[in-house]
């Protein structure tokens, strides 16, 4: 069993001091659904675990304004998926969060923690991508913002530097007269990692956004495919072919590379169709 010290700071200043002192050997604990499992299997071997749950400045709540929503570092997945405003205005995010693990996992896990875990198959990231979400990062010396598209650098790797934490995620209000959704292919719903994840947003203005997960080292926006779908809204075949070109999936126990490439077209087409139906409603 790995031995480590445990600290529970009650202020952001104290937290950042501890994080700086701990360096690369410190690990942050929010919901713990990823960290605890990683420690058990030896994937993470921290000398110091710092809990975030008592830090006064880190929000457990969702904060709404005319421009969008702010999701705090300690906001649970359950709080997001169950909130009526999220379900109405950001349905793709609510649907994606609902696909993460079990009810017990969502009751403990946080969206920020899920983001920082940086799994290529993370369900929530494609949804955050189509909403142009922004990550708010803080350290002892500075604050900065990073588009979610630039935050993930590879499997398990993010743009966070030593001594930094994610304070919150801001999700801008979607365009007027738009519909969005998230679809997931997996062997068992809610109990297995994603084979292909597809998020889409379609606006009456013609704008199309596509976010894909589990088909590349990081979830990504299919910008070239979006432009083609915008220019040729009736015939999506060329746009879907372009989305496949942008992907670079692996073969693993859940699915082959070839299957994932085929499912990109199937799930993206279906997601766009659902978005168009939602605009009409």
Protein backbone atom coordinates (compact mmCIF):
# COMPACT_ATOMS: atom_id res chain seq x y z
CA UNK A 1 0.00 0.00 0.00
CA UNK A 2 1.28 3.46 -0.93
CA UNK A 3 1.81 5.83 1.99
CA UNK A 4 1.08 9.52 1.61
CA UNK A 5 0.21 12.53 3.74
CA UNK A 6 -3.27 14.03 3.61
CA UNK A 7 -4.10 17.74 3.92
CA UNK A 8 -7.40 19.63 3.86
CA UNK A 9 -6.81 23.38 3.41
CA UNK A 10 -9.71 25.76 3.96
CA UNK A 11 -8.58 28.62 1.71
CA UNK A 12 -7.31 29.00 -1.84
CA UNK A 13 -4.13 30.69 -0.61
CA UNK A 14 -3.36 27.75 1.67
CA UNK A 15 -4.15 25.26 -1.08
CA UNK A 16 -1.82 26.92 -3.58
CA UNK A 17 0.96 27.09 -0.97
CA UNK A 18 0.63 23.36 -0.33
CA UNK A 19 0.51 22.60 -4.04
CA UNK A 20 3.68 24.59 -4.67
CA UNK A 21 5.46 22.87 -1.78
CA UNK A 22 4.34 19.42 -2.92
CA UNK A 23 5.49 19.91 -6.50
CA UNK A 24 5.10 16.95 -8.81
CA UNK A 25 4.51 14.56 -5.92
CA UNK A 26 1.24 16.24 -4.81
CA UNK A 27 -2.19 15.12 -6.02
CA UNK A 28 -5.46 17.03 -5.76
CA UNK A 29 -8.56 15.27 -4.45
CA UNK A 30 -12.06 16.49 -5.38
CA UNK A 31 -14.55 13.64 -5.94
CA UNK A 32 -11.75 11.06 -5.95
CA UNK A 33 -13.44 8.76 -8.46
CA UNK A 34 -10.37 8.76 -10.71
CA UNK A 35 -7.56 9.50 -8.23
CA UNK A 36 -8.43 6.80 -5.69
CA UNK A 37 -8.61 4.15 -8.40
CA UNK A 38 -5.32 5.32 -9.93
CA UNK A 39 -3.61 5.07 -6.53
CA UNK A 40 -5.01 1.57 -5.99
CA UNK A 41 -3.63 0.26 -9.27
CA UNK A 42 -0.33 2.12 -8.97
CA UNK A 43 -0.93 4.53 -11.83
CA UNK A 44 -0.46 7.46 -9.42
CA UNK A 45 2.00 7.40 -6.50
CA UNK A 46 1.65 10.75 -4.73
CA UNK A 47 3.56 11.61 -1.56
CA UNK A 48 0.90 14.16 -0.65
CA UNK A 49 -2.87 14.23 -1.29
CA UNK A 50 -4.55 17.63 -0.94
CA UNK A 51 -8.32 17.68 -0.56
CA UNK A 52 -10.26 20.53 -2.17
CA UNK A 53 -13.57 19.99 -0.38
CA UNK A 54 -13.09 22.61 2.36
CA UNK A 55 -11.58 25.38 0.22
CA UNK A 56 -13.99 28.28 0.66
CA UNK A 57 -13.30 29.93 -2.69
CA UNK A 58 -13.94 26.79 -4.75
CA UNK A 59 -17.59 26.62 -5.69
CA UNK A 60 -19.82 23.57 -5.37
CA UNK A 61 -22.59 25.28 -7.31
CA UNK A 62 -23.58 26.26 -10.83
CA UNK A 63 -23.69 30.01 -11.39
CA UNK A 64 -25.87 31.37 -14.17
CA UNK A 65 -25.76 34.69 -16.01
CA UNK A 66 -27.02 35.99 -19.35
CA UNK A 67 -23.74 35.06 -21.04
CA UNK A 68 -23.59 31.45 -19.82
CA UNK A 69 -22.89 29.24 -16.82
CA UNK A 70 -19.90 28.87 -14.53
CA UNK A 71 -19.23 25.37 -13.21
CA UNK A 72 -17.18 25.36 -10.02
CA UNK A 73 -14.25 23.08 -9.31
CA UNK A 74 -16.34 21.10 -6.81
CA UNK A 75 -19.62 20.96 -8.76
CA UNK A 76 -20.62 17.32 -9.02
CA UNK A 77 -21.66 15.61 -12.21
CA UNK A 78 -25.07 14.86 -10.69
CA UNK A 79 -25.69 18.53 -9.93
CA UNK A 80 -25.03 19.34 -13.59
CA UNK A 81 -27.12 16.61 -15.19
CA UNK A 82 -30.13 17.23 -12.91
CA UNK A 83 -30.26 21.03 -13.18
CA UNK A 84 -33.30 22.16 -15.16
CA UNK A 85 -31.49 25.11 -16.78
CA UNK A 86 -28.63 22.89 -17.97
CA UNK A 87 -31.08 20.36 -19.39
CA UNK A 88 -32.98 23.10 -21.21
CA UNK A 89 -30.16 25.33 -22.47
CA UNK A 90 -27.20 22.90 -22.64
CA UNK A 91 -28.80 19.52 -23.42
CA UNK A 92 -25.63 18.06 -24.93
CA UNK A 93 -23.77 18.69 -21.67
CA UNK A 94 -26.56 17.17 -19.57
CA UNK A 95 -26.69 14.12 -21.85
CA UNK A 96 -22.91 13.68 -21.84
CA UNK A 97 -22.62 13.94 -18.05
CA UNK A 98 -25.45 11.42 -17.69
CA UNK A 99 -23.31 8.90 -19.61
CA UNK A 100 -20.39 9.08 -17.16
CA UNK A 101 -20.19 6.02 -14.94
CA UNK A 102 -22.89 5.06 -12.46
CA UNK A 103 -25.17 7.21 -10.31
CA UNK A 104 -22.76 6.73 -7.41
CA UNK A 105 -19.84 7.96 -9.53
CA UNK A 106 -21.77 11.02 -10.69
CA UNK A 107 -22.78 11.84 -7.11
CA UNK A 108 -19.11 12.06 -6.11
CA UNK A 109 -17.24 12.96 -9.29
CA UNK A 110 -16.77 16.51 -10.57
CA UNK A 111 -16.73 17.85 -14.10
CA UNK A 112 -13.44 19.64 -13.46
CA UNK A 113 -11.90 16.40 -12.23
CA UNK A 114 -13.19 14.58 -15.29
CA UNK A 115 -11.67 17.26 -17.50
CA UNK A 116 -8.30 17.17 -15.74
CA UNK A 117 -8.15 13.38 -15.99
CA UNK A 118 -7.76 14.03 -19.74
CA UNK A 119 -9.11 10.73 -21.01
CA UNK A 120 -9.45 10.57 -24.81
CA UNK A 121 -12.82 8.88 -24.18
CA UNK A 122 -14.15 11.49 -21.72
CA UNK A 123 -17.86 11.99 -22.44
CA UNK A 124 -18.20 15.58 -21.27
CA UNK A 125 -15.35 17.04 -23.35
CA UNK A 126 -17.03 16.84 -26.80
CA UNK A 127 -20.04 18.65 -25.31
CA UNK A 128 -17.82 21.35 -23.79
CA UNK A 129 -16.13 21.69 -27.17
CA UNK A 130 -19.32 22.46 -29.10
CA UNK A 131 -20.29 25.08 -26.50
CA UNK A 132 -16.86 26.80 -26.78
CA UNK A 133 -16.20 26.35 -23.06
CA UNK A 134 -13.34 28.20 -21.39
CA UNK A 135 -11.18 26.93 -18.51
CA UNK A 136 -10.29 29.33 -15.67
CA UNK A 137 -6.90 28.48 -14.16
CA UNK A 138 -5.30 29.96 -11.05
CA UNK A 139 -1.88 29.76 -9.36
CA UNK A 140 -0.08 31.73 -6.63
CA UNK A 141 1.26 34.15 -9.21
CA UNK A 142 -1.38 34.45 -11.90
CA UNK A 143 -4.78 33.71 -13.38
CA UNK A 144 -5.38 32.73 -16.98
CA UNK A 145 -8.07 31.34 -19.26
CA UNK A 146 -7.68 28.59 -21.83
CA UNK A 147 -10.24 27.39 -24.42
CA UNK A 148 -11.19 23.80 -23.68
CA UNK A 149 -9.96 22.91 -27.17
CA UNK A 150 -6.41 23.90 -26.16
CA UNK A 151 -6.53 22.47 -22.64
CA UNK A 152 -6.04 18.77 -23.40
CA UNK A 153 -2.58 17.96 -24.77
CA UNK A 154 -2.70 14.17 -24.95
CA UNK A 155 -3.93 11.12 -23.02
CA UNK A 156 -3.63 12.08 -19.33
CA UNK A 157 -1.94 15.40 -20.23
CA UNK A 158 -3.34 18.92 -19.91
CA UNK A 159 -2.18 22.51 -20.22
CA UNK A 160 -1.91 22.84 -16.42
CA UNK A 161 1.53 23.86 -15.22
CA UNK A 162 3.05 23.01 -11.85
CA UNK A 163 1.31 24.94 -9.08
CA UNK A 164 -1.87 25.58 -11.11
CA UNK A 165 -5.42 24.35 -10.55
CA UNK A 166 -8.65 24.67 -12.52
CA UNK A 167 -10.88 27.05 -10.59
CA UNK A 168 -13.94 26.80 -12.83
CA UNK A 169 -15.30 26.15 -16.31
CA UNK A 170 -17.33 28.80 -18.14
CA UNK A 171 -19.80 27.59 -20.77
CA UNK A 172 -21.17 30.37 -23.02
CA UNK A 173 -24.86 30.50 -23.86
CA UNK A 174 -25.50 28.67 -27.17
CA UNK A 175 -26.54 30.61 -30.29
CA UNK A 176 -30.19 31.60 -30.57
CA UNK A 177 -32.48 29.11 -32.33
CA UNK A 178 -30.06 26.21 -31.99
CA UNK A 179 -30.23 22.58 -30.94
CA UNK A 180 -27.52 20.39 -29.48
CA UNK A 181 -27.09 16.79 -28.36
CA UNK A 182 -24.55 14.14 -27.35
CA UNK A 183 -24.53 10.49 -28.39
CA UNK A 184 -22.29 7.71 -27.17
CA UNK A 185 -21.47 4.25 -28.45
CA UNK A 186 -20.38 1.77 -25.79
CA UNK A 187 -20.80 -1.90 -25.03
CA UNK A 188 -22.80 -1.20 -21.87
CA UNK A 189 -24.53 2.12 -21.27
CA UNK A 190 -23.01 3.92 -18.28
CA UNK A 191 -20.81 0.99 -17.35
CA UNK A 192 -18.12 1.04 -20.00
CA UNK A 193 -15.79 3.52 -21.64
CA UNK A 194 -16.89 5.23 -24.81
CA UNK A 195 -16.21 3.63 -28.19
CA UNK A 196 -17.24 6.77 -30.08
CA UNK A 197 -18.67 9.98 -28.61
CA UNK A 198 -20.32 12.57 -30.85
CA UNK A 199 -21.62 15.99 -29.81
CA UNK A 200 -23.26 18.36 -32.26
CA UNK A 201 -24.80 21.81 -32.30
CA UNK A 202 -26.84 23.14 -35.20
CA UNK A 203 -28.23 26.69 -35.41
CA UNK A 204 -30.97 28.05 -37.64
CA UNK A 205 -28.38 30.48 -38.99
CA UNK A 206 -26.63 27.50 -40.61
CA UNK A 207 -23.83 27.15 -38.07
CA UNK A 208 -22.78 23.57 -37.35
CA UNK A 209 -20.41 22.42 -34.59
CA UNK A 210 -19.11 18.87 -34.16
CA UNK A 211 -17.14 17.51 -31.21
CA UNK A 212 -15.76 13.97 -31.23
CA UNK A 213 -14.33 11.79 -28.47
CA UNK A 214 -12.58 8.40 -28.22
CA UNK A 215 -11.38 8.61 -31.83
CA UNK A 216 -8.07 10.50 -31.37
CA UNK A 217 -5.48 11.10 -28.63
CA UNK A 218 -7.70 13.97 -27.41
CA UNK A 219 -11.36 14.89 -28.06
CA UNK A 220 -11.51 17.48 -30.84
CA UNK A 221 -13.66 19.85 -32.85
CA UNK A 222 -14.04 18.75 -36.46
CA UNK A 223 -13.69 22.26 -37.89
CA UNK A 224 -13.23 21.30 -41.54
CA UNK A 225 -16.24 18.98 -41.38
CA UNK A 226 -18.29 21.75 -39.73
CA UNK A 227 -17.59 24.13 -42.61
CA UNK A 228 -18.59 21.52 -45.18
CA UNK A 229 -21.81 20.74 -43.28
CA UNK A 230 -22.59 24.44 -43.15
CA UNK A 231 -21.99 24.85 -46.89
CA UNK A 232 -23.86 21.66 -47.87
CA UNK A 233 -26.59 21.16 -45.24
CA UNK A 234 -28.66 18.76 -47.37
CA UNK A 235 -25.84 16.38 -48.26
CA UNK A 236 -23.77 15.53 -45.19
CA UNK A 237 -21.72 12.75 -46.76
CA UNK A 238 -18.74 14.93 -47.66
CA UNK A 239 -18.70 16.53 -44.21
CA UNK A 240 -18.85 13.15 -42.49
CA UNK A 241 -16.01 11.85 -44.66
CA UNK A 242 -13.98 14.88 -43.60
CA UNK A 243 -14.68 14.17 -39.92
CA UNK A 244 -13.35 10.65 -40.43
CA UNK A 245 -10.17 12.07 -42.02
CA UNK A 246 -9.54 14.17 -38.92
CA UNK A 247 -9.84 11.17 -36.59
CA UNK A 248 -7.03 8.83 -35.58
CA UNK A 249 -8.56 6.12 -33.38
CA UNK A 250 -6.85 3.06 -31.93
CA UNK A 251 -7.91 -0.55 -31.80
CA UNK A 252 -8.44 -1.92 -28.29
CA UNK A 253 -10.57 -4.40 -26.37
CA UNK A 254 -13.71 -2.35 -26.88
CA UNK A 255 -13.54 -1.80 -30.65
CA UNK A 256 -11.27 -1.82 -33.67
CA UNK A 257 -9.98 1.29 -35.38
CA UNK A 258 -12.09 0.45 -38.44
CA UNK A 259 -15.27 0.13 -36.40
CA UNK A 260 -14.68 3.47 -34.70
CA UNK A 261 -14.11 5.20 -38.04
CA UNK A 262 -17.39 3.79 -39.35
CA UNK A 263 -19.27 4.80 -36.21
CA UNK A 264 -18.06 8.41 -36.47
CA UNK A 265 -20.25 8.85 -39.54
CA UNK A 266 -23.22 7.01 -38.05
CA UNK A 267 -23.29 8.84 -34.72
CA UNK A 268 -22.42 12.28 -36.09
CA UNK A 269 -25.16 12.06 -38.72
CA UNK A 270 -27.68 11.00 -36.07
CA UNK A 271 -26.55 13.77 -33.69
CA UNK A 272 -26.97 16.45 -36.37
CA UNK A 273 -30.42 15.08 -37.23
CA UNK A 274 -31.48 15.26 -33.57
CA UNK A 275 -30.18 18.83 -33.35
CA UNK A 276 -32.28 19.85 -36.33
CA UNK A 277 -35.36 18.26 -34.77
CA UNK A 278 -34.76 20.14 -31.54
CA UNK A 279 -34.61 23.48 -33.36
CA UNK A 280 -38.10 22.85 -34.71
CA UNK A 281 -39.41 22.27 -31.18
